[in-house]
C-alpha atoms as a PDB file:
ATOM      1  CA  MET A   1      -0.142  21.062  -7.784  1.00  0.00           C
ATOM      2  CA  THR A   2       0.005  24.607  -6.660  1.00  0.00           C
ATOM      3  CA  ILE A   3       3.068  24.340  -4.489  1.00  0.00           C
ATOM      4  CA  LEU A   4       5.585  27.168  -4.695  1.00  0.00           C
ATOM      5  CA  GLY A   5       4.865  27.754  -8.369  1.00  0.00           C
ATOM      6  CA  VAL A   6       4.667  24.092  -9.437  1.00  0.00           C
ATOM      7  CA  VAL A   7       1.171  23.640 -10.870  1.00  0.00           C
ATOM      8  CA  PHE A   8      -0.189  20.318 -12.108  1.00  0.00           C
ATOM      9  CA  ARG A   9      -3.837  19.837 -12.967  1.00  0.00           C
ATOM     10  CA  ILE A  10      -5.957  16.691 -12.898  1.00  0.00           C
ATOM     11  CA  LEU A  11      -8.809  16.495 -15.403  1.00  0.00           C
ATOM     12  CA  TYR A  12     -11.516  13.851 -14.972  1.00  0.00           C
ATOM     13  CA  TYR A  13     -13.629  13.495 -18.092  1.00  0.00           C
ATOM     14  CA  GLU A  14     -17.198  12.555 -17.089  1.00  0.00           C
ATOM     15  CA  PRO A  15     -16.382  10.648 -13.880  1.00  0.00           C
ATOM     16  CA  ARG A  16     -19.015   8.129 -12.796  1.00  0.00           C
ATOM     17  CA  ILE A  17     -18.099   6.696  -9.385  1.00  0.00           C
ATOM     18  CA  PRO A  18     -18.427   9.086  -6.416  1.00  0.00           C
ATOM     19  CA  PRO A  19     -15.802   7.456  -4.150  1.00  0.00           C
ATOM     20  CA  ASN A  20     -13.138   7.732  -6.871  1.00  0.00           C
ATOM     21  CA  THR A  21     -13.758  11.444  -7.250  1.00  0.00           C
ATOM     22  CA  GLY A  22     -13.891  11.796  -3.466  1.00  0.00           C
ATOM     23  CA  ASN A  23     -10.468  10.161  -3.278  1.00  0.00           C
ATOM     24  CA  ALA A  24      -9.226  12.536  -5.997  1.00  0.00           C
ATOM     25  CA  ILE A  25     -10.482  15.469  -3.910  1.00  0.00           C
ATOM     26  CA  ARG A  26      -8.469  14.119  -1.007  1.00  0.00           C
ATOM     27  CA  LEU A  27      -5.423  13.670  -3.295  1.00  0.00           C
ATOM     28  CA  SER A  28      -5.838  17.242  -4.514  1.00  0.00           C
ATOM     29  CA  ALA A  29      -5.912  18.532  -0.952  1.00  0.00           C
ATOM     30  CA  ALA A  30      -2.867  16.461   0.059  1.00  0.00           C
ATOM     31  CA  THR A  31      -0.707  17.450  -2.926  1.00  0.00           C
ATOM     32  CA  GLY A  32      -2.008  20.859  -3.965  1.00  0.00           C
ATOM     33  CA  ALA A  33      -3.064  19.564  -7.391  1.00  0.00           C
ATOM     34  CA  GLN A  34      -6.053  21.241  -8.983  1.00  0.00           C
ATOM     35  CA  LEU A  35      -8.948  18.903  -9.818  1.00  0.00           C
ATOM     36  CA  HIS A  36     -11.135  19.659 -12.841  1.00  0.00           C
ATOM     37  CA  LEU A  37     -14.300  17.651 -13.506  1.00  0.00           C
ATOM     38  CA  VAL A  38     -16.073  17.570 -16.877  1.00  0.00           C
ATOM     39  CA  GLU A  39     -19.847  17.066 -16.846  1.00  0.00           C
ATOM     40  CA  PRO A  40     -21.979  15.101 -17.015  1.00  0.00           C
ATOM     41  CA  LEU A  41     -20.937  13.623 -13.694  1.00  0.00           C
ATOM     42  CA  GLY A  42     -22.290  10.251 -12.608  1.00  0.00           C
ATOM     43  CA  PHE A  43     -23.229  11.758  -9.253  1.00  0.00           C
ATOM     44  CA  ASP A  44     -24.178  14.982  -7.536  1.00  0.00           C
ATOM     45  CA  MET A  45     -21.407  16.933  -5.811  1.00  0.00           C
ATOM     46  CA  SER A  46     -23.357  16.597  -2.556  1.00  0.00           C
ATOM     47  CA  ASP A  47     -23.355  12.767  -2.829  1.00  0.00           C
ATOM     48  CA  THR A  48     -22.638  11.158   0.553  1.00  0.00           C
ATOM     49  CA  GLN A  49     -20.206   8.618  -0.957  1.00  0.00           C
ATOM     50  CA  LEU A  50     -18.263  11.479  -2.533  1.00  0.00           C
ATOM     51  CA  LYS A  51     -18.131  13.343   0.748  1.00  0.00           C
ATOM     52  CA  ARG A  52     -17.224  10.214   2.731  1.00  0.00           C
ATOM     53  CA  ALA A  53     -14.294   9.379   0.424  1.00  0.00           C
ATOM     54  CA  GLY A  54     -13.068  12.978   0.504  1.00  0.00           C
ATOM     55  CA  LEU A  55     -13.338  13.081   4.290  1.00  0.00           C
ATOM     56  CA  ASP A  56     -12.942  16.612   5.603  1.00  0.00           C
ATOM     57  CA  TYR A  57     -10.610  17.642   2.764  1.00  0.00           C
ATOM     58  CA  HIS A  58     -13.238  19.235   0.504  1.00  0.00           C
ATOM     59  CA  ASP A  59     -12.504  22.741   1.782  1.00  0.00           C
ATOM     60  CA  LEU A  60      -8.759  22.195   1.295  1.00  0.00           C
ATOM     61  CA  ALA A  61      -9.031  21.057  -2.338  1.00  0.00           C
ATOM     62  CA  ASP A  62      -9.067  23.210  -5.462  1.00  0.00           C
ATOM     63  CA  VAL A  63     -11.967  21.673  -7.427  1.00  0.00           C
ATOM     64  CA  HIS A  64     -13.605  23.037 -10.591  1.00  0.00           C
ATOM     65  CA  VAL A  65     -16.609  21.632 -12.475  1.00  0.00           C
ATOM     66  CA  HIS A  66     -16.958  22.358 -16.208  1.00  0.00           C
ATOM     67  CA  ALA A  67     -20.066  21.959 -18.372  1.00  0.00           C
ATOM     68  CA  ASP A  68     -18.146  20.120 -21.103  1.00  0.00           C
ATOM     69  CA  LEU A  69     -14.644  19.439 -22.406  1.00  0.00           C
ATOM     70  CA  GLU A  70     -14.550  22.668 -24.414  1.00  0.00           C
ATOM     71  CA  ALA A  71     -15.299  24.702 -21.301  1.00  0.00           C
ATOM     72  CA  ALA A  72     -12.616  22.818 -19.373  1.00  0.00           C
ATOM     73  CA  PHE A  73      -9.979  23.411 -22.044  1.00  0.00           C
ATOM     74  CA  LYS A  74     -10.962  27.067 -22.248  1.00  0.00           C
ATOM     75  CA  ALA A  75     -10.589  27.483 -18.479  1.00  0.00           C
ATOM     76  CA  LEU A  76      -7.362  25.483 -18.299  1.00  0.00           C
ATOM     77  CA  ASP A  77      -5.731  26.997 -21.396  1.00  0.00           C
ATOM     78  CA  PRO A  78      -3.309  24.059 -21.369  1.00  0.00           C
ATOM     79  CA  VAL A  79       0.021  23.914 -23.133  1.00  0.00           C
ATOM     80  CA  ARG A  80       0.329  20.156 -22.624  1.00  0.00           C
ATOM     81  CA  VAL A  81      -2.405  17.583 -22.010  1.00  0.00           C
ATOM     82  CA  PHE A  82      -1.515  13.984 -21.219  1.00  0.00           C
ATOM     83  CA  ALA A  83      -4.374  11.531 -21.751  1.00  0.00           C
ATOM     84  CA  PHE A  84      -4.103   8.276 -19.834  1.00  0.00           C
ATOM     85  CA  THR A  85      -5.267   5.105 -21.558  1.00  0.00           C
ATOM     86  CA  THR A  86      -4.417   1.422 -21.400  1.00  0.00           C
ATOM     87  CA  ARG A  87      -3.990   1.525 -25.202  1.00  0.00           C
ATOM     88  CA  ALA A  88      -1.023   3.923 -25.151  1.00  0.00           C
ATOM     89  CA  ARG A  89       2.530   2.810 -25.865  1.00  0.00           C
ATOM     90  CA  THR A  90       4.381   5.440 -23.836  1.00  0.00           C
ATOM     91  CA  SER A  91       4.734   4.939 -20.089  1.00  0.00           C
ATOM     92  CA  TYR A  92       3.877   7.777 -17.720  1.00  0.00           C
ATOM     93  CA  THR A  93       7.462   7.561 -16.391  1.00  0.00           C
ATOM     94  CA  GLU A  94       8.943   8.541 -19.771  1.00  0.00           C
ATOM     95  CA  ILE A  95       7.623  12.104 -19.492  1.00  0.00           C
ATOM     96  CA  ALA A  96       9.350  15.083 -17.910  1.00  0.00           C
ATOM     97  CA  TYR A  97       6.339  16.795 -16.360  1.00  0.00           C
ATOM     98  CA  GLU A  98       6.196  20.577 -16.405  1.00  0.00           C
ATOM     99  CA  PRO A  99       4.211  23.129 -14.395  1.00  0.00           C
ATOM    100  CA  GLY A 100       0.805  23.637 -16.019  1.00  0.00           C
ATOM    101  CA  ASP A 101       0.539  20.100 -17.390  1.00  0.00           C
ATOM    102  CA  VAL A 102      -2.949  18.609 -17.475  1.00  0.00           C
ATOM    103  CA  LEU A 103      -3.245  14.949 -16.473  1.00  0.00           C
ATOM    104  CA  MET A 104      -6.457  13.683 -18.091  1.00  0.00           C
ATOM    105  CA  PHE A 105      -8.325  10.526 -17.098  1.00  0.00           C
ATOM    106  CA  GLY A 106     -11.516   8.986 -18.460  1.00  0.00           C
ATOM    107  CA  PRO A 107     -14.646   7.671 -16.804  1.00  0.00           C
ATOM    108  CA  GLU A 108     -14.976   4.371 -15.092  1.00  0.00           C
ATOM    109  CA  PRO A 109     -15.285   1.742 -16.523  1.00  0.00           C
ATOM    110  CA  THR A 110     -14.739   2.752 -20.168  1.00  0.00           C
ATOM    111  CA  GLY A 111     -11.829   5.206 -20.088  1.00  0.00           C
ATOM    112  CA  LEU A 112     -11.451   8.087 -22.501  1.00  0.00           C
ATOM    113  CA  PRO A 113     -13.483   7.730 -25.715  1.00  0.00           C
ATOM    114  CA  ASP A 114     -11.682   7.630 -29.064  1.00  0.00           C
ATOM    115  CA  ALA A 115     -12.988  11.083 -30.032  1.00  0.00           C
ATOM    116  CA  VAL A 116     -11.417  12.618 -26.927  1.00  0.00           C
ATOM    117  CA  LEU A 117      -8.143  10.723 -27.429  1.00  0.00           C
ATOM    118  CA  ALA A 118      -8.017  12.065 -31.005  1.00  0.00           C
ATOM    119  CA  ASP A 119      -8.506  15.695 -29.883  1.00  0.00           C
ATOM    120  CA  ARG A 120      -5.788  17.943 -31.335  1.00  0.00           C
ATOM    121  CA  ARG A 121      -5.091  19.372 -27.877  1.00  0.00           C
ATOM    122  CA  ILE A 122      -3.906  16.022 -26.534  1.00  0.00           C
ATOM    123  CA  THR A 123      -0.121  16.203 -26.395  1.00  0.00           C
ATOM    124  CA  GLU A 124       0.408  12.498 -25.863  1.00  0.00           C
ATOM    125  CA  GLN A 125      -1.359   9.364 -24.716  1.00  0.00           C
ATOM    126  CA  LEU A 126       0.280   7.640 -21.746  1.00  0.00           C
ATOM    127  CA  ARG A 127      -0.159   4.353 -19.924  1.00  0.00           C
ATOM    128  CA  ILE A 128       0.588   2.970 -16.495  1.00  0.00           C
ATOM    129  CA  PRO A 129       2.248  -0.447 -16.910  1.00  0.00           C
ATOM    130  CA  MET A 130       0.496  -3.491 -15.497  1.00  0.00           C
ATOM    131  CA  LEU A 131       0.437  -7.222 -16.072  1.00  0.00           C
ATOM    132  CA  PRO A 132      -0.981  -8.547 -19.364  1.00  0.00           C
ATOM    133  CA  SER A 133      -4.672  -9.411 -19.594  1.00  0.00           C
ATOM    134  CA  ARG A 134      -5.629  -6.854 -16.930  1.00  0.00           C
ATOM    135  CA  ARG A 135      -8.270  -4.316 -17.935  1.00  0.00           C
ATOM    136  CA  SER A 136      -7.309  -1.297 -15.876  1.00  0.00           C
ATOM    137  CA  LEU A 137      -6.431   0.173 -12.512  1.00  0.00           C
ATOM    138  CA  ASN A 138      -8.821   2.043 -10.257  1.00  0.00           C
ATOM    139  CA  LEU A 139      -9.225   5.670 -11.381  1.00  0.00           C
ATOM    140  CA  ALA A 140      -8.178   7.257  -8.090  1.00  0.00           C
ATOM    141  CA  ASN A 141      -5.189   4.906  -7.790  1.00  0.00           C
ATOM    142  CA  SER A 142      -4.061   5.711 -11.336  1.00  0.00           C
ATOM    143  CA  THR A 143      -4.343   9.417 -10.652  1.00  0.00           C
ATOM    144  CA  SER A 144      -2.299   9.099  -7.459  1.00  0.00           C
ATOM    145  CA  ILE A 145       0.477   7.204  -9.234  1.00  0.00           C
ATOM    146  CA  VAL A 146       0.837   9.901 -11.886  1.00  0.00           C
ATOM    147  CA  VAL A 147       0.432  12.936  -9.618  1.00  0.00           C
ATOM    148  CA  TYR A 148       3.109  11.662  -7.270  1.00  0.00           C
ATOM    149  CA  GLU A 149       5.477  10.960 -10.177  1.00  0.00           C
ATOM    150  CA  ALA A 150       5.004  14.500 -11.492  1.00  0.00           C
ATOM    151  CA  TRP A 151       5.527  15.925  -8.016  1.00  0.00           C
ATOM    152  CA  ARG A 152       8.561  13.662  -7.396  1.00  0.00           C
ATOM    153  CA  GLN A 153      10.179  15.028 -10.537  1.00  0.00           C
ATOM    154  CA  HIS A 154       9.971  18.476  -8.941  1.00  0.00           C
ATOM    155  CA  GLY A 155      11.526  17.340  -5.660  1.00  0.00           C
ATOM    156  CA  PHE A 156       8.190  17.223  -3.838  1.00  0.00           C
ATOM    157  CA  THR A 157       8.407  21.011  -3.690  1.00  0.00           C
ATOM    158  CA  GLY A 158       6.458  22.349  -0.726  1.00  0.00           C
ATOM    159  CA  GLY A 159       5.887  18.914   0.803  1.00  0.00           C
ATOM    160  CA  VAL A 160       6.998  17.660   4.179  1.00  0.00           C
END
């Protein structure tokens, strides 16, 4: 979030479902978080479902599209990257989020591939707790949970 110097960045690796990314655009606009998308995307940025989910927030959001993960990491120059996966042992609430952190989420319905999770630039893999025998949460919902926790830890700086 770019709110009075507190900057958190969302990174969607190869998102597939337009409404989820549209909701992330809306989240970005509402919180000041930057949204970075890694191609290939499962939709065109002019997709009507994407636009419908993002409502009229597209112009208020800070959205960047990158040709691949290398290009995204080069542009982001991250110090810390947290990769979210149902296979992680550490809960997202156990982290003290810092300005500049990258919050990375994988595509629906598969999540981040093993090769991405093994990338040396991943600081830690995190999970969002849920009941046993459940596959996963919706991508946009997961992102909202984590972004608001990171922002909460900084006193919702700039929010009303």
